[in-house]
Protein backbone atom coordinates (compact mmCIF):
# COMPACT_ATOMS: atom_id res chain seq x y z
CA MET A 1 2.14 -20.30 18.43
CA TYR A 2 0.93 -16.94 17.14
CA ARG A 3 2.03 -13.55 18.02
CA ARG A 4 -0.92 -11.03 18.52
CA PRO A 5 -0.93 -8.37 16.17
CA ASP A 6 -1.95 -5.15 18.61
CA VAL A 7 1.61 -4.95 20.17
CA LEU A 8 4.27 -1.95 20.46
CA LEU A 9 7.97 -3.04 21.36
CA GLU A 10 10.11 -0.68 22.64
CA ILE A 11 14.14 -1.75 22.86
CA ASP A 12 16.51 -0.09 25.68
CA THR A 13 20.14 0.66 24.71
CA SER A 14 20.63 -2.76 26.33
CA ASN A 15 18.97 -4.64 24.05
CA ASN A 16 16.50 -5.42 26.16
CA CYS A 17 12.99 -5.41 25.20
CA LYS A 18 10.02 -3.70 26.99
CA VAL A 19 6.44 -4.79 25.54
CA HIS A 20 3.40 -2.57 25.94
CA VAL A 21 0.01 -4.48 25.72
CA ASP A 22 -3.47 -3.86 27.18
CA GLY A 23 -2.23 -0.66 29.07
CA ARG A 24 0.68 -2.65 31.00
CA THR A 25 4.52 -2.06 30.42
CA LEU A 26 6.22 -5.33 30.74
CA SER A 27 10.26 -6.44 30.35
CA PHE A 28 11.76 -9.14 29.08
CA GLY A 29 15.12 -10.28 27.81
CA HIS A 30 17.30 -10.06 24.94
CA ALA A 31 15.00 -13.41 23.29
CA ALA A 32 11.91 -11.33 23.13
CA VAL A 33 12.76 -9.38 20.15
CA GLY A 34 13.31 -12.14 18.27
CA LEU A 35 10.15 -14.07 19.30
CA VAL A 36 8.22 -11.16 18.79
CA ASP A 37 9.18 -10.87 14.75
CA VAL A 38 9.71 -15.13 14.16
CA LEU A 39 5.88 -15.49 15.73
CA HIS A 40 4.22 -13.00 13.05
CA ARG A 41 3.41 -16.45 11.42
CA PRO A 42 2.44 -19.34 13.11
CA LEU A 43 5.46 -22.03 14.13
CA THR A 44 5.84 -24.91 16.72
CA VAL A 45 7.71 -23.63 20.41
CA SER A 46 10.69 -25.74 19.28
CA GLU A 47 10.89 -24.28 15.48
CA ALA A 48 10.45 -20.96 17.01
CA VAL A 49 13.31 -21.23 19.38
CA ARG A 50 15.72 -22.56 16.58
CA ARG A 51 14.92 -19.90 14.74
CA VAL A 52 15.67 -17.27 17.49
CA ARG A 53 18.81 -18.90 18.12
CA SER A 54 20.16 -19.09 14.82
CA ARG A 55 20.03 -15.69 14.56
CA THR A 56 22.50 -15.01 17.07
CA GLY A 57 24.75 -17.81 15.91
CA GLY A 58 23.61 -20.12 19.00
CA GLN A 59 24.79 -17.44 21.46
CA LEU A 60 21.68 -17.22 23.45
CA ASP A 61 20.57 -20.09 25.38
CA THR A 62 17.60 -22.23 24.99
CA ARG A 63 16.75 -21.57 28.88
CA ASP A 64 16.93 -17.82 28.00
CA VAL A 65 14.72 -18.08 24.94
CA MET A 66 12.19 -20.27 26.37
CA THR A 67 12.23 -18.15 29.86
CA ASP A 68 11.14 -14.84 27.71
CA LEU A 69 8.60 -17.07 25.26
CA VAL A 70 6.80 -18.41 28.86
CA GLY A 71 6.75 -14.44 29.81
CA LEU A 72 5.21 -13.56 26.20
CA VAL A 73 2.85 -16.35 26.68
CA HIS A 74 1.11 -15.33 30.48
CA ALA A 75 1.52 -11.42 29.11
CA GLY A 76 -1.43 -12.66 26.45
CA VAL A 77 1.44 -11.80 23.54
CA LEU A 78 1.71 -14.92 22.07
CA ASP A 79 -1.11 -17.63 22.42
CA THR A 80 -1.80 -20.91 20.95
CA ARG A 81 -4.93 -19.50 18.02
CA PRO A 82 -4.89 -16.54 16.58
CA ARG A 83 -7.53 -14.04 17.65
CA LEU A 84 -10.12 -13.79 15.34
CA GLY A 85 -11.50 -10.42 15.10
CA PHE A 86 -10.99 -6.83 13.70
CA SER A 87 -8.26 -4.81 15.69
CA PRO A 88 -9.71 -2.84 19.15
CA ARG A 89 -7.50 -0.56 17.90
CA PRO A 90 -8.24 2.85 15.65
CA TRP A 91 -7.56 3.43 12.51
CA PRO A 92 -5.05 3.92 11.94
CA ALA A 93 -3.24 2.57 14.78
CA GLY A 94 -4.90 -0.78 13.90
CA GLY A 95 -3.20 -1.10 10.80
CA TYR A 96 -4.80 -3.46 8.04
CA ASP A 97 -6.70 -5.29 10.62
CA SER A 98 -8.55 -2.41 11.78
CA ALA A 99 -12.58 -2.30 10.37
CA TYR A 100 -12.68 0.87 8.86
CA VAL A 101 -10.26 -0.14 6.07
CA HIS A 102 -11.85 -3.13 4.91
CA LEU A 103 -15.35 -2.14 5.40
CA ARG A 104 -13.74 1.07 3.25
CA ILE A 105 -13.26 -1.28 0.70
CA LEU A 106 -16.37 -3.20 0.52
CA ASN A 107 -18.20 -0.65 0.22
CA ASP A 108 -16.61 1.03 -3.22
CA ARG A 109 -18.07 -1.44 -5.22
CA ARG A 110 -16.95 0.35 -8.47
CA ARG A 111 -13.61 -0.59 -7.94
CA LYS A 112 -13.61 -3.51 -5.83
CA GLY A 113 -16.61 -5.12 -7.94
CA ALA A 114 -14.10 -4.17 -11.31
CA PHE A 115 -11.46 -6.66 -9.66
CA VAL A 116 -13.86 -9.54 -8.78
CA ALA A 117 -15.49 -9.78 -12.29
CA ALA A 118 -11.51 -9.81 -13.54
CA VAL A 119 -10.68 -12.64 -11.51
CA ARG A 120 -14.12 -14.35 -12.30
CA GLU A 121 -13.02 -13.73 -16.39
CA THR A 122 -9.62 -15.01 -15.85
CA VAL A 123 -9.03 -17.93 -13.68
CA ARG A 124 -10.29 -20.96 -14.96
CA PRO A 125 -11.36 -24.94 -13.21
CA GLY A 126 -8.35 -26.06 -12.29
CA ASP A 127 -6.04 -23.13 -12.06
CA VAL A 128 -3.54 -22.68 -8.93
CA VAL A 129 -3.76 -19.19 -7.65
CA LEU A 130 -1.75 -16.58 -5.68
CA ASP A 131 -3.12 -13.99 -4.08
CA LEU A 132 -1.44 -11.28 -2.87
CA GLY A 133 -2.13 -8.94 0.17
CA SER A 134 -5.51 -11.04 0.68
CA GLY A 135 -7.15 -8.48 3.48
CA SER A 136 -10.97 -9.62 3.88
CA GLY A 137 -9.85 -13.02 1.38
CA ILE A 138 -12.07 -11.39 -1.38
CA LEU A 139 -10.08 -12.06 -4.39
CA ALA A 140 -9.06 -15.30 -3.29
CA VAL A 141 -12.82 -16.45 -2.60
CA ALA A 142 -14.04 -15.39 -5.75
CA ALA A 143 -11.03 -17.03 -8.08
CA ALA A 144 -11.96 -20.50 -5.79
CA GLN A 145 -15.68 -19.77 -6.81
CA ALA A 146 -14.49 -19.08 -10.06
CA GLY A 147 -12.95 -23.01 -10.22
CA ALA A 148 -9.15 -22.72 -8.72
CA ARG A 149 -8.32 -25.77 -7.88
CA LYS A 150 -6.08 -24.34 -5.10
CA VAL A 151 -5.70 -20.87 -3.87
CA TYR A 152 -2.50 -19.88 -2.16
CA ALA A 153 -3.77 -16.79 -0.02
CA VAL A 154 -1.26 -14.43 1.37
CA GLU A 155 -1.72 -11.63 3.68
CA PRO A 156 0.80 -10.37 6.49
CA SER A 157 -1.84 -8.69 8.26
CA GLY A 158 -3.73 -10.48 11.33
CA MET A 159 -6.42 -9.86 9.68
CA ILE A 160 -5.91 -13.37 7.94
CA GLY A 161 -8.33 -15.56 10.47
CA LEU A 162 -10.83 -13.30 9.75
CA SER A 163 -10.62 -14.14 5.86
CA GLU A 164 -10.08 -17.60 6.76
CA ALA A 165 -13.42 -17.55 8.18
CA VAL A 166 -15.06 -15.70 5.62
CA ALA A 167 -13.59 -18.70 3.30
CA GLU A 168 -15.38 -21.15 5.39
CA ALA A 169 -18.70 -19.57 5.20
CA ASN A 170 -18.78 -19.43 1.70
CA GLY A 171 -17.62 -23.21 1.50
CA VAL A 172 -14.04 -22.88 -0.01
CA GLY A 173 -12.22 -22.93 2.63
CA ASP A 174 -10.44 -26.49 2.02
CA ARG A 175 -9.82 -25.07 -1.69
CA ILE A 176 -7.62 -21.82 0.15
CA GLU A 177 -4.49 -21.94 2.37
CA PHE A 178 -4.01 -18.94 3.99
CA ILE A 179 -0.71 -17.69 4.41
CA ARG A 180 0.55 -15.18 7.31
CA ASP A 181 3.80 -13.46 5.54
CA TRP A 182 5.12 -11.35 3.24
CA SER A 183 5.53 -13.24 -0.65
CA THR A 184 8.41 -12.25 -0.89
CA ARG A 185 9.75 -14.46 2.13
CA ILE A 186 7.64 -17.69 1.35
CA GLU A 187 8.16 -20.88 -0.51
CA LEU A 188 5.19 -22.37 -2.55
CA PRO A 189 5.01 -25.61 -3.18
CA GLU A 190 3.77 -25.65 -6.83
CA LYS A 191 4.13 -22.85 -9.71
CA ALA A 192 0.66 -20.76 -9.20
CA SER A 193 -0.81 -20.56 -12.92
CA VAL A 194 -2.63 -17.15 -11.51
CA LEU A 195 -1.66 -13.83 -9.46
CA THR A 196 -4.31 -11.52 -8.15
CA THR A 197 -3.40 -8.59 -5.98
CA ASP A 198 -4.94 -5.22 -5.35
CA LEU A 199 -1.88 -3.85 -3.75
CA VAL A 200 -2.51 -0.93 -6.09
CA GLY A 201 -2.01 2.53 -4.84
CA ASN A 202 -3.09 5.90 -4.50
CA GLU A 203 0.00 6.46 -7.34
CA PRO A 204 -0.31 3.01 -8.89
CA LEU A 205 3.58 1.54 -7.97
CA ASP A 206 3.86 3.38 -4.56
CA MET A 207 2.72 0.08 -2.82
CA LYS A 208 5.56 -1.15 -4.61
CA ILE A 209 3.66 -3.78 -6.90
CA TRP A 210 6.30 -3.89 -9.45
CA GLU A 211 8.71 -4.92 -6.81
CA THR A 212 6.63 -7.24 -5.19
CA LEU A 213 5.40 -8.76 -8.63
CA THR A 214 8.74 -9.40 -9.77
CA ASP A 215 9.48 -11.43 -7.24
CA ALA A 216 6.69 -13.49 -7.38
CA ARG A 217 7.09 -13.79 -11.27
CA GLN A 218 10.44 -14.69 -10.90
CA ARG A 219 9.94 -17.61 -7.92
CA HIS A 220 6.07 -18.07 -7.25
CA LEU A 221 4.43 -18.52 -11.37
CA ARG A 222 4.51 -20.71 -14.03
CA ASP A 223 6.18 -18.51 -17.29
CA ASP A 224 2.85 -18.58 -18.52
CA ALA A 225 0.93 -17.18 -15.53
CA ARG A 226 -2.24 -15.07 -16.09
CA MET A 227 -2.27 -11.54 -13.90
CA VAL A 228 -4.79 -9.58 -12.13
CA PRO A 229 -3.65 -6.52 -12.93
CA ALA A 230 -2.49 -7.26 -15.95
CA SER A 231 -0.99 -3.16 -16.56
CA PHE A 232 -1.05 -0.05 -16.26
CA ARG A 233 -1.65 3.48 -18.27
CA SER A 234 -0.40 5.95 -16.11
CA THR A 235 -1.90 9.61 -17.17
CA ALA A 236 -1.48 13.72 -16.14
CA ARG A 237 -3.85 16.72 -16.26
CA PHE A 238 -3.40 20.23 -14.97
CA TYR A 239 -5.69 21.98 -12.56
CA ARG A 240 -6.49 24.97 -11.31
CA VAL A 241 -7.00 24.71 -8.11
CA PRO A 242 -8.82 27.16 -5.01
CA GLY A 243 -5.60 29.34 -3.65
CA SER A 244 -7.06 28.07 -0.01
CA TYR A 245 -6.43 24.59 -0.97
CA LEU A 246 -2.70 25.73 -2.27
CA SER A 247 -2.57 27.46 1.12
CA ALA A 248 -2.70 24.85 3.19
CA HIS A 249 0.28 23.07 1.71
CA ARG A 250 2.25 25.79 1.16
CA GLY A 251 1.65 28.94 3.05
CA ALA A 252 0.82 32.47 2.17
CA PRO A 253 1.75 35.98 3.21
CA ALA A 254 -1.88 36.50 4.56
CA ASP A 255 -1.33 33.63 6.81
CA VAL A 256 1.54 35.18 8.18
CA ALA A 257 -0.23 38.37 9.01
CA THR A 258 -2.73 36.11 10.67
CA TRP A 259 -0.25 34.04 12.80
CA ASN A 260 1.62 37.41 13.54
CA ASP A 261 -1.81 38.92 14.87
CA TRP A 262 -2.57 35.31 17.14
CA TYR A 263 0.80 35.01 18.40
CA GLY A 264 3.00 37.97 18.20
CA ILE A 265 5.09 35.62 16.19
CA ASP A 266 6.45 36.68 12.89
CA PHE A 267 6.76 33.03 10.97
CA SER A 268 7.23 34.61 7.56
CA PRO A 269 10.34 32.95 6.96
CA LEU A 270 8.04 29.70 6.73
CA VAL A 271 6.66 31.09 3.92
CA ASP A 272 9.87 33.12 2.63
CA GLN A 273 12.37 30.22 2.53
CA ASP A 274 10.24 27.58 1.43
CA ASP A 275 11.24 26.59 -2.30
CA ARG A 276 9.97 23.71 -2.73
CA ALA A 277 8.95 23.91 -6.87
CA TRP A 278 6.03 20.61 -6.77
CA ILE A 279 4.69 19.67 -3.51
CA GLY A 280 3.33 16.01 -3.66
CA THR A 281 0.17 15.20 -1.29
CA TYR A 282 -2.69 12.78 -1.64
CA GLU A 283 -6.38 14.06 -2.37
CA ARG A 284 -9.96 12.51 -2.37
CA PRO A 285 -11.59 11.94 -5.36
CA GLU A 286 -14.76 14.11 -4.65
CA VAL A 287 -12.23 17.29 -3.81
CA ILE A 288 -10.76 17.13 -6.96
CA ARG A 289 -13.79 16.77 -9.21
CA ASP A 290 -14.62 20.09 -8.52
CA TRP A 291 -11.42 21.68 -9.86
CA PRO A 292 -11.55 22.84 -13.17
CA THR A 293 -9.35 21.38 -15.25
CA ALA A 294 -6.17 23.67 -17.10
CA SER A 295 -5.13 20.80 -19.77
CA ASP A 296 -6.17 17.46 -22.00
CA GLU A 297 -4.99 14.14 -19.91
CA VAL A 298 -1.83 12.92 -21.10
CA ALA A 299 0.27 9.99 -20.72
CA VAL A 300 2.96 9.30 -18.57
CA TYR A 301 3.69 5.79 -18.32
CA GLU A 302 2.53 2.18 -19.25
CA CYS A 303 3.58 -0.49 -17.05
CA ASP A 304 3.26 -4.36 -17.90
CA LEU A 305 3.10 -6.11 -14.86
CA ALA A 306 3.63 -9.29 -16.78
CA SER A 307 7.09 -8.07 -18.02
CA ASP A 308 10.81 -8.16 -16.27
CA VAL A 309 11.68 -5.44 -17.70
CA LYS A 310 12.32 -2.29 -15.24
CA PRO A 311 9.57 0.10 -17.28
CA PHE A 312 11.21 3.49 -16.56
CA GLU A 313 13.20 5.87 -14.94
CA VAL A 314 12.62 8.97 -16.05
CA VAL A 315 8.78 10.13 -18.77
CA THR A 316 8.47 12.89 -20.19
CA ALA A 317 4.90 14.07 -21.05
CA PRO A 318 4.54 17.21 -23.40
CA VAL A 319 1.24 18.87 -22.88
CA ASP A 320 -0.57 22.39 -24.05
CA VAL A 321 -1.35 24.11 -20.35
CA GLU A 322 -3.84 26.78 -19.75
CA ALA A 323 -3.48 30.08 -17.56
CA GLY A 324 -3.44 29.61 -14.53
CA ALA A 325 -2.43 26.17 -13.25
CA ASN A 326 -1.64 25.56 -10.21
CA ALA A 327 -1.27 21.14 -9.87
CA VAL A 328 -0.90 18.35 -11.75
CA VAL A 329 -2.98 15.12 -10.70
CA LEU A 330 -1.56 11.96 -11.52
CA SER A 331 -4.42 8.96 -12.39
CA TYR A 332 -3.97 5.42 -14.26
CA ARG A 333 -6.14 2.51 -16.25
CA ALA A 334 -5.72 -0.47 -14.97
CA ARG A 335 -6.48 -3.88 -17.17
CA LEU A 336 -7.49 -5.98 -15.07
CA GLY A 337 -8.90 -8.96 -17.57
CA PRO A 338 -9.47 -9.87 -20.97
CA GLY A 339 -12.64 -7.46 -20.54
CA THR A 340 -12.52 -5.70 -17.50
CA GLU A 341 -10.62 -2.15 -16.72
CA PHE A 342 -10.77 0.26 -14.04
CA ASP A 343 -10.26 4.15 -14.74
CA ALA A 344 -9.28 5.80 -11.55
CA ASP A 345 -9.70 8.97 -12.52
CA PRO A 346 -10.85 11.22 -10.21
CA ARG A 347 -13.82 13.25 -11.94
CA LYS A 348 -15.03 9.51 -11.44
CA GLY A 349 -14.97 8.61 -8.47
CA GLY A 350 -17.06 9.67 -4.96
CA ALA A 351 -17.58 9.62 -1.03
CA ASP A 352 -17.60 5.42 -1.77
CA SER A 353 -14.04 5.44 -3.36
CA HIS A 354 -11.38 4.20 -0.57
CA TRP A 355 -8.62 5.23 -2.81
CA TYR A 356 -6.88 8.71 -3.08
CA THR A 357 -5.37 10.43 -5.77
CA ALA A 358 -1.88 11.47 -6.07
CA VAL A 359 -1.50 15.91 -6.72
CA TRP A 360 1.19 17.71 -7.23
CA LEU A 361 0.81 21.12 -6.39
CA ALA A 362 2.85 24.13 -7.87
CA GLY A 363 5.12 25.36 -5.22
CA ARG A 364 6.18 29.36 -4.22
CA ALA A 365 9.45 28.20 -6.30
CA ALA A 366 7.86 26.67 -9.53
CA GLY A 367 6.29 30.27 -11.05
CA PRO A 368 4.24 30.04 -14.17
CA VAL A 369 3.00 27.08 -15.73
CA GLY A 370 2.63 26.86 -19.62
CA PRO A 371 1.39 27.63 -22.26
CA ARG A 372 3.31 24.32 -23.21
CA ALA A 373 5.28 22.51 -20.70
CA ARG A 374 6.46 18.95 -20.08
CA VAL A 375 5.48 16.65 -17.44
CA GLU A 376 8.78 14.42 -15.82
CA TYR A 377 8.35 11.42 -13.91
CA ARG A 378 10.91 9.60 -12.11
CA TYR A 379 10.54 6.48 -10.12
CA ARG A 380 12.98 5.99 -8.01
CA GLY A 381 11.99 2.20 -7.39
CA ASP A 382 10.81 0.82 -3.77
CA GLY A 383 7.80 2.87 -4.13
CA SER A 384 9.16 6.25 -4.28
CA SER A 385 8.81 8.69 -7.45
CA GLY A 386 9.32 12.16 -8.32
CA LEU A 387 7.44 14.73 -10.25
CA HIS A 388 8.56 17.59 -12.27
CA VAL A 389 7.03 20.51 -14.55
CA ARG A 390 9.57 21.81 -17.34
CA ARG A 391 8.62 25.45 -19.49
CA VAL A 392 9.18 24.73 -22.94
CA GLY A 393 11.83 27.17 -23.44
CA GLY A 394 11.92 27.41 -19.95
CA GLU A 395 13.62 25.47 -17.11
CA ALA A 396 12.79 22.60 -14.75
CA GLN A 397 10.71 23.49 -12.10
């Protein structure tokens, strides 16, 4: 039994569940929430009922659980087979079941081609491979084609039905076991000798790759396991961004005058009381490519994904900065395999790139930058990071 991927839930004050599906709103009892959760991955009816009852210490009667289960089946929320195909909902509402995101990834030959090349040079005949965030199955299939004896492809989204079909179409379905779940919640029957993943964010740690791989190393991998990717080297560079771009993120007095003219309302507090020093955002590489640089590239941190040691908390990188600098762009180089690297420098990207780049813009409280500055970067954990710029001889901004 499976849950269909595109379901919206509403929980009322009595803990009853309303399910929004196919334009209908249906009401269910207390067990529906648990059923929709546990059946995110395939389970037998008896196992699903057992898990839901165990969550409440057995307080829910089996008949109540079965009543909600049958109702969810009749409503089309649960089915005995996973639905093959992309989500009918548009991106981003359709999440990682949307066609758009996977087509963008596959059309990004520069990045995804580097990952595939790294898998093929890393995997050896007889390897056991763990592929995290398998998506379309591209890295799992590449690992099987490289001679892996077994591939465990873990993917929490409903995309897993299509990735299974891709494996079958390429003649390797018998060696790939697709698991619809999060890697932090599963147990494997054997340790993997290779881990592959592209859980690499726009800022490389923002998809929690460090935390996910730490768990995988401890529970799913052999001590000598190889990884794709193996490490990151994060870099920073100052830029001069156009004033129109900057005002779109922090506002300007000219905007206040325009809004007052349009609406007859004074919005000056939105600008005058904006005390942000640095404003984080993401931008397309082809946009950043047109910005003039205002410093050389400086290394911020290095992260070895095979290490059990937390990579850093705060790092400081000094750099000479030209006048007019008003943005810091964070990029990275990833060592994917023994002979393969990927450079995410936005100046090397383009319209086919499916990734964005992390940008920190100088807010109204930042003040002038340079001529000598230090970039202070903090990784807080769970994908969250922060950046400050300190002028040498000045205060943090």
